[in-house]
Amino acid sequence: MTGLLSIVLDGSPFSQTATSLAQALELVTGSFSDSDQIITSATLDGMQLSSAQLTEPDESAISGTLTLTTGSTRAILFDAIQAGLTELESLKEAHTKGANQIAAGNTHDAILGLRHIVTTWQQIEKLISFAANHFGASTTSIDDSIVQTLAGLGNDLRELARTISEEDYGALADCLMFDLQDRVDQCSTWLKSIATELAASNA
């Protein structure tokens, strides 16, 4: 029996129905007039679909209601950058706290706090890389020096991992207070520049 999948797009019934998830997504994305528009969430009869299900949708016949929400890649990135800038500010305090704990001989608490620091930096690294890969061609503030910034950040994180594994606490404190602290300002500058151009392009 052939399935019939009705589609609700951004709160309104879509003009066509589909027989499979793959066909439904093809119909919807094919209707986008803006190449920057993407699907941000999808539910099938109230059940959230995973990224994997959207990336490699099932072609089997299916019945039900597919509810899709879309957004602008640039708008989503702009919001992510604002959150990233807030996280970067929190890193300044975290770096100082960790270095002071090491100086006071409280290495146990300092190491515990590094999990947040490393995780946050990895997220910032992915955010900047995403922006550069997706908007490098049209965003004039992104040039070769951002590649150097990302490479430098990667080196800093590797040095951080080395100092932890080797219990080189003096070098660890220096990495926190100098290398990564300087990296906060560099990355903040890049993100603010990208955000400014994204805002201008959406105006």
Protein backbone atom coordinates (compact mmCIF):
# COMPACT_ATOMS: atom_id res chain seq x y z
CA MET A 1 0.00 0.00 0.00
CA THR A 2 1.35 3.39 -1.00
CA GLY A 3 1.84 5.79 1.88
CA LEU A 4 0.69 9.37 1.89
CA LEU A 5 2.81 11.88 3.76
CA SER A 6 1.31 15.31 4.34
CA ILE A 7 3.74 18.15 4.97
CA VAL A 8 3.48 21.19 7.23
CA LEU A 9 6.15 23.77 6.45
CA ASP A 10 6.77 26.60 8.91
CA GLY A 11 3.26 26.28 10.29
CA SER A 12 1.42 26.11 6.96
CA PRO A 13 0.29 23.10 4.88
CA PHE A 14 2.66 22.42 2.00
CA SER A 15 1.10 22.39 -1.48
CA GLN A 16 2.17 18.81 -2.23
CA THR A 17 2.15 15.44 -0.51
CA ALA A 18 4.78 12.73 -0.71
CA THR A 19 5.04 8.96 -0.50
CA SER A 20 8.33 8.86 1.41
CA LEU A 21 10.50 10.99 3.66
CA ALA A 22 13.12 11.28 0.93
CA GLN A 23 10.56 12.55 -1.58
CA ALA A 24 9.09 14.98 0.93
CA LEU A 25 12.46 16.55 1.69
CA GLU A 26 13.28 16.76 -2.00
CA LEU A 27 9.99 18.55 -2.72
CA VAL A 28 10.43 21.00 0.14
CA THR A 29 14.07 21.88 -0.47
CA GLY A 30 13.34 22.21 -4.16
CA SER A 31 10.74 24.86 -3.33
CA PHE A 32 13.19 27.08 -1.45
CA SER A 33 13.60 30.38 -3.26
CA ASP A 34 16.55 31.34 -1.06
CA SER A 35 19.66 29.15 -1.28
CA ASP A 36 20.45 30.19 2.30
CA GLN A 37 17.27 28.53 3.63
CA ILE A 38 17.74 25.23 5.47
CA ILE A 39 15.62 22.81 7.48
CA THR A 40 16.32 23.35 11.17
CA SER A 41 13.97 20.78 12.68
CA ALA A 42 11.69 17.98 11.54
CA THR A 43 9.10 15.82 13.26
CA LEU A 44 7.12 12.88 11.93
CA ASP A 45 3.81 12.47 13.74
CA GLY A 46 5.30 14.36 16.68
CA MET A 47 8.53 12.36 16.84
CA GLN A 48 11.74 14.34 16.32
CA LEU A 49 13.84 13.19 13.37
CA SER A 50 17.60 12.95 13.77
CA SER A 51 20.21 14.67 11.61
CA ALA A 52 21.09 11.28 10.14
CA GLN A 53 17.47 10.72 9.09
CA LEU A 54 17.47 14.08 7.32
CA THR A 55 20.87 13.59 5.71
CA GLU A 56 20.05 10.11 4.41
CA PRO A 57 16.24 10.02 4.35
CA ASP A 58 14.36 6.75 3.96
CA GLU A 59 12.84 6.14 0.53
CA SER A 60 10.31 3.61 1.83
CA ALA A 61 6.59 4.40 1.55
CA ILE A 62 5.28 6.08 4.67
CA SER A 63 2.09 7.72 5.96
CA GLY A 64 1.65 10.51 8.47
CA THR A 65 2.38 14.18 8.94
CA LEU A 66 5.84 15.63 8.46
CA THR A 67 6.30 18.96 10.22
CA LEU A 68 9.29 21.03 9.12
CA THR A 69 10.78 24.26 10.41
CA THR A 70 13.25 26.26 8.36
CA GLY A 71 15.65 29.09 8.97
CA SER A 72 18.41 31.11 7.38
CA THR A 73 21.93 29.75 7.66
CA ARG A 74 23.23 33.28 8.13
CA ALA A 75 20.71 34.08 10.85
CA ILE A 76 21.51 30.84 12.66
CA LEU A 77 25.23 31.56 12.40
CA PHE A 78 24.72 35.12 13.66
CA ASP A 79 22.94 33.82 16.77
CA ALA A 80 25.63 31.19 17.27
CA ILE A 81 28.32 33.87 17.08
CA GLN A 82 26.60 35.97 19.76
CA ALA A 83 26.56 32.92 22.02
CA GLY A 84 30.19 32.21 21.12
CA LEU A 85 31.26 35.72 22.08
CA THR A 86 29.64 35.26 25.48
CA GLU A 87 31.48 31.96 25.91
CA LEU A 88 34.77 33.61 24.98
CA GLU A 89 34.29 36.21 27.71
CA SER A 90 33.71 33.43 30.22
CA LEU A 91 36.96 31.80 29.10
CA LYS A 92 38.98 34.82 30.21
CA GLU A 93 37.84 34.30 33.78
CA ALA A 94 38.26 30.52 33.54
CA HIS A 95 41.85 30.87 32.27
CA THR A 96 42.78 33.22 35.09
CA LYS A 97 41.11 31.05 37.70
CA GLY A 98 42.89 27.93 36.48
CA ALA A 99 46.31 29.62 36.40
CA ASN A 100 45.80 31.02 39.90
CA GLN A 101 44.79 27.61 41.21
CA ILE A 102 47.96 26.11 39.76
CA ALA A 103 50.07 28.89 41.29
CA ALA A 104 48.47 28.14 44.66
CA GLY A 105 49.26 24.44 44.30
CA ASN A 106 45.61 23.49 43.83
CA THR A 107 46.24 21.48 40.68
CA HIS A 108 43.34 19.09 41.31
CA ASP A 109 40.66 21.78 40.98
CA ALA A 110 42.55 23.40 38.11
CA ILE A 111 42.49 20.15 36.13
CA LEU A 112 38.78 19.70 36.83
CA GLY A 113 38.09 23.16 35.41
CA LEU A 114 39.98 22.39 32.23
CA ARG A 115 37.19 20.18 30.90
CA HIS A 116 34.97 23.24 30.45
CA ILE A 117 37.83 25.24 28.96
CA VAL A 118 38.77 22.59 26.39
CA THR A 119 35.15 21.85 25.43
CA THR A 120 34.38 25.54 24.96
CA TRP A 121 37.47 26.12 22.84
CA GLN A 122 36.60 23.15 20.65
CA GLN A 123 33.15 24.66 20.07
CA ILE A 124 34.67 28.04 19.21
CA GLU A 125 37.09 26.37 16.82
CA LYS A 126 34.22 24.61 15.02
CA LEU A 127 32.18 27.83 14.90
CA ILE A 128 34.93 29.87 13.27
CA SER A 129 35.79 27.05 10.88
CA PHE A 130 32.12 26.71 9.89
CA ALA A 131 31.86 30.44 9.21
CA ALA A 132 35.04 30.45 7.16
CA ASN A 133 34.03 27.42 5.11
CA HIS A 134 30.50 28.63 4.38
CA PHE A 135 31.00 32.37 3.99
CA GLY A 136 34.66 32.82 3.20
CA ALA A 137 33.98 33.62 -0.43
CA SER A 138 31.52 36.41 0.34
CA THR A 139 32.79 37.69 3.68
CA THR A 140 35.68 40.07 3.10
CA SER A 141 36.86 39.96 6.72
CA ILE A 142 37.81 36.29 6.34
CA ASP A 143 41.22 35.86 4.74
CA ASP A 144 44.32 33.74 5.13
CA SER A 145 45.02 35.04 8.63
CA ILE A 146 41.96 33.25 9.98
CA VAL A 147 43.60 30.02 8.86
CA GLN A 148 46.62 31.02 10.93
CA THR A 149 44.39 31.78 13.90
CA LEU A 150 42.73 28.37 13.71
CA ALA A 151 46.10 26.66 13.29
CA GLY A 152 47.43 28.54 16.30
CA LEU A 153 44.41 27.57 18.37
CA GLY A 154 44.92 23.94 17.40
CA ASN A 155 48.53 24.15 18.55
CA ASP A 156 47.46 25.74 21.84
CA LEU A 157 44.97 22.95 22.54
CA ARG A 158 47.59 20.32 21.76
CA GLU A 159 50.02 22.05 24.11
CA LEU A 160 47.32 22.13 26.76
CA ALA A 161 46.81 18.39 26.37
CA ARG A 162 50.56 17.79 26.58
CA THR A 163 51.01 19.80 29.78
CA ILE A 164 48.14 17.93 31.40
CA SER A 165 49.38 14.48 30.43
CA GLU A 166 52.94 15.28 31.49
CA GLU A 167 51.82 17.19 34.61
CA ASP A 168 53.89 20.16 33.44
CA TYR A 169 51.94 22.61 35.56
CA GLY A 170 54.19 25.60 35.00
CA ALA A 171 53.75 25.33 31.25
CA LEU A 172 50.04 24.68 31.75
CA ALA A 173 49.61 27.93 33.69
CA ASP A 174 51.54 29.83 31.00
CA CYS A 175 49.36 28.31 28.28
CA LEU A 176 46.23 29.43 30.12
CA MET A 177 47.37 32.93 31.05
CA PHE A 178 49.22 33.88 27.89
CA ASP A 179 48.62 31.70 24.83
CA LEU A 180 44.91 31.00 25.26
CA GLN A 181 44.18 34.38 26.83
CA ASP A 182 45.61 36.09 23.75
CA ARG A 183 43.61 33.71 21.57
CA VAL A 184 40.39 34.95 23.17
CA ASP A 185 40.96 38.44 21.79
CA GLN A 186 41.90 37.15 18.34
CA CYS A 187 38.84 34.93 18.05
CA SER A 188 36.54 37.60 19.45
CA THR A 189 37.77 40.01 16.80
CA TRP A 190 37.08 37.49 14.04
CA LEU A 191 33.63 36.60 15.29
CA LYS A 192 32.61 40.24 15.73
CA SER A 193 33.81 41.01 12.21
CA ILE A 194 31.87 38.10 10.74
CA ALA A 195 28.76 39.04 12.74
CA THR A 196 28.96 42.62 11.48
CA GLU A 197 29.05 41.51 7.86
CA LEU A 198 26.27 38.97 8.38
CA ALA A 199 24.09 41.67 9.94
CA ALA A 200 24.83 44.00 7.02
CA SER A 201 23.97 41.31 4.45
CA ASN A 202 20.64 40.66 6.17
CA ALA A 203 19.72 44.33 6.46
